[in-house]
């Protein structure tokens, strides 16, 4: 993954509206958070990563061990949150030309998502993440260098883009995880076609 600048004025305006809602709405009393805290940060550490890599039955999903909730999960959120989730799609669709955002992951303070690789849903990705003070991170194992890289959040919105490969592309399987030390929102898009993904990346930076 690499970071890109969010320069598109229309997108910045839409993200500002989403960020304002995120900062002012009593979200945690309108959702059911999945999982428990990971106080020793085991599930985003190297020991657990190796266990996942060694697990031939790893299904690719990231929500099996986590502390947070995908706001697209209607059984986990209130009707009022549902209306805001719809509003997020309405705001971002005109700019990003995507009908809806398939991942809207909310992390409470000390939330996390364990090491996983999304081999079950390969494609080109765009991740838009928000924290008020920048206290969170995205961590990955570089498929080429095998180094573990931690991309720390900055206050406000950040954008990351990259490709997650399938098991049929062993040199592109992309192990990654995330953690938040304050409430964090990540909006994720998976784009199957490289040209469309490149256009979306250009639109974000224009």
C-alpha atoms as a PDB file:
ATOM      1  CA  UNK A   1       0.000   0.000   0.000  1.00  0.00           C
ATOM      2  CA  UNK A   2       1.031   3.582  -0.511  1.00  0.00           C
ATOM      3  CA  UNK A   3      -0.381   6.860   0.737  1.00  0.00           C
ATOM      4  CA  UNK A   4      -1.814   9.415  -1.670  1.00  0.00           C
ATOM      5  CA  UNK A   5      -2.911  12.998  -1.081  1.00  0.00           C
ATOM      6  CA  UNK A   6      -6.590  13.897  -0.923  1.00  0.00           C
ATOM      7  CA  UNK A   7      -6.662  17.024  -3.080  1.00  0.00           C
ATOM      8  CA  UNK A   8     -10.057  16.756  -4.769  1.00  0.00           C
ATOM      9  CA  UNK A   9     -12.121  19.616  -3.328  1.00  0.00           C
ATOM     10  CA  UNK A  10     -15.477  17.887  -3.782  1.00  0.00           C
ATOM     11  CA  UNK A  11     -14.166  14.774  -2.060  1.00  0.00           C
ATOM     12  CA  UNK A  12     -12.627  16.777   0.776  1.00  0.00           C
ATOM     13  CA  UNK A  13     -15.941  18.566   1.316  1.00  0.00           C
ATOM     14  CA  UNK A  14     -17.810  15.246   1.454  1.00  0.00           C
ATOM     15  CA  UNK A  15     -15.245  13.716   3.809  1.00  0.00           C
ATOM     16  CA  UNK A  16     -15.447  16.785   6.055  1.00  0.00           C
ATOM     17  CA  UNK A  17     -19.188  16.199   6.409  1.00  0.00           C
ATOM     18  CA  UNK A  18     -18.635  12.526   7.254  1.00  0.00           C
ATOM     19  CA  UNK A  19     -15.893  13.437   9.732  1.00  0.00           C
ATOM     20  CA  UNK A  20     -18.107  16.006  11.455  1.00  0.00           C
ATOM     21  CA  UNK A  21     -20.853  13.400  11.881  1.00  0.00           C
ATOM     22  CA  UNK A  22     -18.306  10.898  13.173  1.00  0.00           C
ATOM     23  CA  UNK A  23     -17.015  13.368  15.775  1.00  0.00           C
ATOM     24  CA  UNK A  24     -20.403  14.564  17.029  1.00  0.00           C
ATOM     25  CA  UNK A  25     -22.765  11.595  16.782  1.00  0.00           C
ATOM     26  CA  UNK A  26     -23.061   9.225  19.753  1.00  0.00           C
ATOM     27  CA  UNK A  27     -22.081   6.258  17.625  1.00  0.00           C
ATOM     28  CA  UNK A  28     -21.231   3.717  20.294  1.00  0.00           C
ATOM     29  CA  UNK A  29     -24.699   3.873  21.836  1.00  0.00           C
ATOM     30  CA  UNK A  30     -26.220   3.143  18.425  1.00  0.00           C
ATOM     31  CA  UNK A  31     -24.196   0.073  17.456  1.00  0.00           C
ATOM     32  CA  UNK A  32     -23.190  -3.334  18.821  1.00  0.00           C
ATOM     33  CA  UNK A  33     -19.420  -3.673  18.794  1.00  0.00           C
ATOM     34  CA  UNK A  34     -18.059  -7.080  17.842  1.00  0.00           C
ATOM     35  CA  UNK A  35     -15.224  -8.721  19.790  1.00  0.00           C
ATOM     36  CA  UNK A  36     -13.050  -7.740  22.744  1.00  0.00           C
ATOM     37  CA  UNK A  37     -10.025  -5.545  23.331  1.00  0.00           C
ATOM     38  CA  UNK A  38      -6.586  -6.971  22.622  1.00  0.00           C
ATOM     39  CA  UNK A  39      -4.653  -5.279  25.422  1.00  0.00           C
ATOM     40  CA  UNK A  40      -1.313  -6.925  24.643  1.00  0.00           C
ATOM     41  CA  UNK A  41      -1.634  -6.185  20.906  1.00  0.00           C
ATOM     42  CA  UNK A  42      -1.084  -9.869  20.168  1.00  0.00           C
ATOM     43  CA  UNK A  43      -3.323 -10.037  17.112  1.00  0.00           C
ATOM     44  CA  UNK A  44      -1.389  -7.311  15.281  1.00  0.00           C
ATOM     45  CA  UNK A  45       2.023  -8.645  16.310  1.00  0.00           C
ATOM     46  CA  UNK A  46       4.563 -10.812  14.494  1.00  0.00           C
ATOM     47  CA  UNK A  47       3.846 -14.014  16.422  1.00  0.00           C
ATOM     48  CA  UNK A  48       0.207 -14.083  15.369  1.00  0.00           C
ATOM     49  CA  UNK A  49       1.139 -13.094  11.817  1.00  0.00           C
ATOM     50  CA  UNK A  50       3.327 -16.164  11.502  1.00  0.00           C
ATOM     51  CA  UNK A  51       0.544 -18.380  12.815  1.00  0.00           C
ATOM     52  CA  UNK A  52      -1.763 -16.979  10.148  1.00  0.00           C
ATOM     53  CA  UNK A  53       0.803 -17.457   7.396  1.00  0.00           C
ATOM     54  CA  UNK A  54       1.301 -21.072   8.488  1.00  0.00           C
ATOM     55  CA  UNK A  55      -2.466 -21.717   8.518  1.00  0.00           C
ATOM     56  CA  UNK A  56      -3.303 -23.264   5.161  1.00  0.00           C
ATOM     57  CA  UNK A  57      -7.016 -22.928   5.946  1.00  0.00           C
ATOM     58  CA  UNK A  58      -6.937 -19.140   6.442  1.00  0.00           C
ATOM     59  CA  UNK A  59     -10.133 -17.897   4.778  1.00  0.00           C
ATOM     60  CA  UNK A  60      -8.893 -14.388   4.011  1.00  0.00           C
ATOM     61  CA  UNK A  61     -11.445 -12.534   6.141  1.00  0.00           C
ATOM     62  CA  UNK A  62     -10.357  -9.920   8.664  1.00  0.00           C
ATOM     63  CA  UNK A  63     -13.379  -9.667  10.950  1.00  0.00           C
ATOM     64  CA  UNK A  64     -13.087 -13.084  12.609  1.00  0.00           C
ATOM     65  CA  UNK A  65     -10.841 -11.684  15.351  1.00  0.00           C
ATOM     66  CA  UNK A  66     -11.377  -7.978  15.821  1.00  0.00           C
ATOM     67  CA  UNK A  67     -12.797  -5.275  18.053  1.00  0.00           C
ATOM     68  CA  UNK A  68     -15.106  -3.038  16.064  1.00  0.00           C
ATOM     69  CA  UNK A  69     -18.017  -3.255  13.652  1.00  0.00           C
ATOM     70  CA  UNK A  70     -18.627  -2.853   9.938  1.00  0.00           C
ATOM     71  CA  UNK A  71     -21.377  -0.236   9.713  1.00  0.00           C
ATOM     72  CA  UNK A  72     -22.789  -2.057   6.690  1.00  0.00           C
ATOM     73  CA  UNK A  73     -23.919  -4.838   9.055  1.00  0.00           C
ATOM     74  CA  UNK A  74     -27.552  -3.830   9.516  1.00  0.00           C
ATOM     75  CA  UNK A  75     -28.109  -6.143  12.472  1.00  0.00           C
ATOM     76  CA  UNK A  76     -25.359  -4.336  14.418  1.00  0.00           C
ATOM     77  CA  UNK A  77     -26.515  -0.727  14.002  1.00  0.00           C
ATOM     78  CA  UNK A  78     -29.522   1.454  14.776  1.00  0.00           C
ATOM     79  CA  UNK A  79     -31.917   2.879  12.200  1.00  0.00           C
ATOM     80  CA  UNK A  80     -30.352   6.315  12.640  1.00  0.00           C
ATOM     81  CA  UNK A  81     -26.887   4.971  11.853  1.00  0.00           C
ATOM     82  CA  UNK A  82     -28.325   3.239   8.774  1.00  0.00           C
ATOM     83  CA  UNK A  83     -29.445   6.609   7.448  1.00  0.00           C
ATOM     84  CA  UNK A  84     -25.934   8.007   7.901  1.00  0.00           C
ATOM     85  CA  UNK A  85     -24.429   4.954   6.205  1.00  0.00           C
ATOM     86  CA  UNK A  86     -26.673   5.651   3.217  1.00  0.00           C
ATOM     87  CA  UNK A  87     -25.573   9.279   3.298  1.00  0.00           C
ATOM     88  CA  UNK A  88     -21.893   8.239   3.096  1.00  0.00           C
ATOM     89  CA  UNK A  89     -22.605   6.412  -0.160  1.00  0.00           C
ATOM     90  CA  UNK A  90     -24.586   9.379  -1.491  1.00  0.00           C
ATOM     91  CA  UNK A  91     -21.704  11.753  -0.755  1.00  0.00           C
ATOM     92  CA  UNK A  92     -18.886   9.649  -2.186  1.00  0.00           C
ATOM     93  CA  UNK A  93     -20.535   8.107  -5.244  1.00  0.00           C
ATOM     94  CA  UNK A  94     -20.396  11.265  -7.438  1.00  0.00           C
ATOM     95  CA  UNK A  95     -16.675  11.707  -6.784  1.00  0.00           C
ATOM     96  CA  UNK A  96     -15.420   8.137  -6.806  1.00  0.00           C
ATOM     97  CA  UNK A  97     -17.901   6.736  -9.361  1.00  0.00           C
ATOM     98  CA  UNK A  98     -18.555   3.700  -7.163  1.00  0.00           C
ATOM     99  CA  UNK A  99     -22.165   2.738  -6.376  1.00  0.00           C
ATOM    100  CA  UNK A 100     -21.450   2.008  -2.716  1.00  0.00           C
ATOM    101  CA  UNK A 101     -18.654   1.555  -0.232  1.00  0.00           C
ATOM    102  CA  UNK A 102     -18.490  -2.155   0.730  1.00  0.00           C
ATOM    103  CA  UNK A 103     -16.410  -1.613   3.878  1.00  0.00           C
ATOM    104  CA  UNK A 104     -17.267   0.939   6.550  1.00  0.00           C
ATOM    105  CA  UNK A 105     -15.269  -0.292   9.531  1.00  0.00           C
ATOM    106  CA  UNK A 106     -15.651   1.465  12.861  1.00  0.00           C
ATOM    107  CA  UNK A 107     -12.953   0.925  15.482  1.00  0.00           C
ATOM    108  CA  UNK A 108     -13.647   2.121  19.036  1.00  0.00           C
ATOM    109  CA  UNK A 109     -10.757   3.203  21.240  1.00  0.00           C
ATOM    110  CA  UNK A 110      -8.340   0.226  21.348  1.00  0.00           C
ATOM    111  CA  UNK A 111     -10.119  -1.359  18.392  1.00  0.00           C
ATOM    112  CA  UNK A 112      -8.227  -3.571  15.967  1.00  0.00           C
ATOM    113  CA  UNK A 113      -8.462  -5.997  13.070  1.00  0.00           C
ATOM    114  CA  UNK A 114      -6.152  -9.005  13.129  1.00  0.00           C
ATOM    115  CA  UNK A 115      -3.649 -10.075  10.487  1.00  0.00           C
ATOM    116  CA  UNK A 116      -5.421 -11.334   7.357  1.00  0.00           C
ATOM    117  CA  UNK A 117      -4.870 -11.172   3.597  1.00  0.00           C
ATOM    118  CA  UNK A 118      -8.218 -10.881   1.762  1.00  0.00           C
ATOM    119  CA  UNK A 119      -7.170 -13.579  -0.708  1.00  0.00           C
ATOM    120  CA  UNK A 120     -10.882 -14.398  -0.977  1.00  0.00           C
ATOM    121  CA  UNK A 121     -11.576 -10.922  -2.411  1.00  0.00           C
ATOM    122  CA  UNK A 122      -8.558  -9.955  -4.539  1.00  0.00           C
ATOM    123  CA  UNK A 123      -8.466  -6.627  -6.278  1.00  0.00           C
ATOM    124  CA  UNK A 124      -7.304  -3.047  -6.286  1.00  0.00           C
ATOM    125  CA  UNK A 125      -8.087  -1.233  -3.059  1.00  0.00           C
ATOM    126  CA  UNK A 126      -8.720   2.291  -1.847  1.00  0.00           C
ATOM    127  CA  UNK A 127      -8.857   2.889   1.906  1.00  0.00           C
ATOM    128  CA  UNK A 128     -10.019   6.225   3.345  1.00  0.00           C
ATOM    129  CA  UNK A 129      -9.417   6.399   7.103  1.00  0.00           C
ATOM    130  CA  UNK A 130     -10.358   9.023   9.669  1.00  0.00           C
ATOM    131  CA  UNK A 131      -9.065   9.694  13.174  1.00  0.00           C
ATOM    132  CA  UNK A 132      -9.400  12.975  14.992  1.00  0.00           C
ATOM    133  CA  UNK A 133      -5.846  13.006  16.369  1.00  0.00           C
ATOM    134  CA  UNK A 134      -4.056  10.470  14.154  1.00  0.00           C
ATOM    135  CA  UNK A 135      -3.792   7.747  16.801  1.00  0.00           C
ATOM    136  CA  UNK A 136      -4.058   4.620  14.712  1.00  0.00           C
ATOM    137  CA  UNK A 137      -2.243   2.630  12.065  1.00  0.00           C
ATOM    138  CA  UNK A 138      -2.383   0.253   9.116  1.00  0.00           C
ATOM    139  CA  UNK A 139       0.313  -2.443   9.154  1.00  0.00           C
ATOM    140  CA  UNK A 140       1.326  -4.802   6.349  1.00  0.00           C
ATOM    141  CA  UNK A 141       3.965  -7.309   5.322  1.00  0.00           C
ATOM    142  CA  UNK A 142       5.517  -6.244   2.043  1.00  0.00           C
ATOM    143  CA  UNK A 143       5.109  -9.165  -0.400  1.00  0.00           C
ATOM    144  CA  UNK A 144       8.431  -8.346  -2.073  1.00  0.00           C
ATOM    145  CA  UNK A 145      10.784  -7.299   0.732  1.00  0.00           C
ATOM    146  CA  UNK A 146       9.019  -9.381   3.444  1.00  0.00           C
ATOM    147  CA  UNK A 147       9.438  -6.403   5.775  1.00  0.00           C
ATOM    148  CA  UNK A 148       6.654  -5.395   8.166  1.00  0.00           C
ATOM    149  CA  UNK A 149       5.658  -1.784   7.583  1.00  0.00           C
ATOM    150  CA  UNK A 150       3.484   0.362   9.860  1.00  0.00           C
ATOM    151  CA  UNK A 151       1.668   3.281   8.248  1.00  0.00           C
ATOM    152  CA  UNK A 152       0.609   5.639  11.031  1.00  0.00           C
ATOM    153  CA  UNK A 153      -2.524   7.732  10.708  1.00  0.00           C
ATOM    154  CA  UNK A 154      -2.433  11.510  10.539  1.00  0.00           C
ATOM    155  CA  UNK A 155      -5.096  13.739  12.108  1.00  0.00           C
ATOM    156  CA  UNK A 156      -8.124  13.833   9.837  1.00  0.00           C
ATOM    157  CA  UNK A 157      -8.491  11.801   6.651  1.00  0.00           C
ATOM    158  CA  UNK A 158      -5.805   9.692   4.979  1.00  0.00           C
ATOM    159  CA  UNK A 159      -5.908   7.693   1.739  1.00  0.00           C
ATOM    160  CA  UNK A 160      -4.064   4.448   1.005  1.00  0.00           C
ATOM    161  CA  UNK A 161      -4.130   2.484  -2.247  1.00  0.00           C
ATOM    162  CA  UNK A 162      -2.773  -0.866  -3.345  1.00  0.00           C
ATOM    163  CA  UNK A 163      -3.431  -4.381  -4.604  1.00  0.00           C
ATOM    164  CA  UNK A 164      -4.410  -7.500  -2.652  1.00  0.00           C
ATOM    165  CA  UNK A 165      -3.647 -10.729  -4.494  1.00  0.00           C
ATOM    166  CA  UNK A 166      -5.313 -14.131  -4.389  1.00  0.00           C
ATOM    167  CA  UNK A 167      -3.692 -17.413  -3.391  1.00  0.00           C
ATOM    168  CA  UNK A 168      -3.076 -17.986  -7.098  1.00  0.00           C
ATOM    169  CA  UNK A 169      -0.717 -14.978  -6.944  1.00  0.00           C
ATOM    170  CA  UNK A 170       1.621 -15.995  -4.095  1.00  0.00           C
ATOM    171  CA  UNK A 171       3.981 -13.080  -4.716  1.00  0.00           C
ATOM    172  CA  UNK A 172       1.084 -10.634  -4.277  1.00  0.00           C
ATOM    173  CA  UNK A 173      -0.725 -12.049  -1.243  1.00  0.00           C
ATOM    174  CA  UNK A 174      -0.998  -9.054   1.071  1.00  0.00           C
ATOM    175  CA  UNK A 175      -0.973  -9.651   4.823  1.00  0.00           C
ATOM    176  CA  UNK A 176      -2.224  -6.649   6.770  1.00  0.00           C
ATOM    177  CA  UNK A 177      -3.906  -5.540  10.005  1.00  0.00           C
ATOM    178  CA  UNK A 178      -5.028  -2.318  11.693  1.00  0.00           C
ATOM    179  CA  UNK A 179      -5.287  -0.807  15.163  1.00  0.00           C
ATOM    180  CA  UNK A 180      -6.820   2.319  16.704  1.00  0.00           C
ATOM    181  CA  UNK A 181      -6.019   4.118  19.952  1.00  0.00           C
ATOM    182  CA  UNK A 182      -9.001   6.423  19.482  1.00  0.00           C
ATOM    183  CA  UNK A 183     -12.246   6.053  17.497  1.00  0.00           C
ATOM    184  CA  UNK A 184     -11.374   5.359  13.845  1.00  0.00           C
ATOM    185  CA  UNK A 185     -13.420   5.001  10.662  1.00  0.00           C
ATOM    186  CA  UNK A 186     -12.176   3.249   7.520  1.00  0.00           C
ATOM    187  CA  UNK A 187     -14.070   3.340   4.230  1.00  0.00           C
ATOM    188  CA  UNK A 188     -12.858   0.650   1.841  1.00  0.00           C
ATOM    189  CA  UNK A 189     -13.358   0.102  -1.882  1.00  0.00           C
ATOM    190  CA  UNK A 190     -12.357  -3.000  -3.839  1.00  0.00           C
ATOM    191  CA  UNK A 191     -12.067  -2.367  -7.574  1.00  0.00           C
ATOM    192  CA  UNK A 192     -11.626  -5.365  -9.899  1.00  0.00           C
ATOM    193  CA  UNK A 193     -10.271  -3.418 -12.889  1.00  0.00           C
ATOM    194  CA  UNK A 194      -6.884  -1.707 -12.746  1.00  0.00           C
ATOM    195  CA  UNK A 195      -7.809   1.096 -15.165  1.00  0.00           C
ATOM    196  CA  UNK A 196     -10.870   2.096 -13.136  1.00  0.00           C
ATOM    197  CA  UNK A 197      -8.795   1.992  -9.942  1.00  0.00           C
ATOM    198  CA  UNK A 198      -6.136   4.236 -11.493  1.00  0.00           C
ATOM    199  CA  UNK A 199      -8.816   6.706 -12.557  1.00  0.00           C
ATOM    200  CA  UNK A 200     -10.257   6.768  -9.049  1.00  0.00           C
ATOM    201  CA  UNK A 201      -6.781   7.348  -7.578  1.00  0.00           C
ATOM    202  CA  UNK A 202      -6.246  10.222 -10.012  1.00  0.00           C
ATOM    203  CA  UNK A 203      -9.605  11.750  -9.106  1.00  0.00           C
ATOM    204  CA  UNK A 204      -8.707  11.669  -5.404  1.00  0.00           C
ATOM    205  CA  UNK A 205      -5.426  13.497  -6.052  1.00  0.00           C
ATOM    206  CA  UNK A 206      -6.609  16.039  -8.634  1.00  0.00           C
END
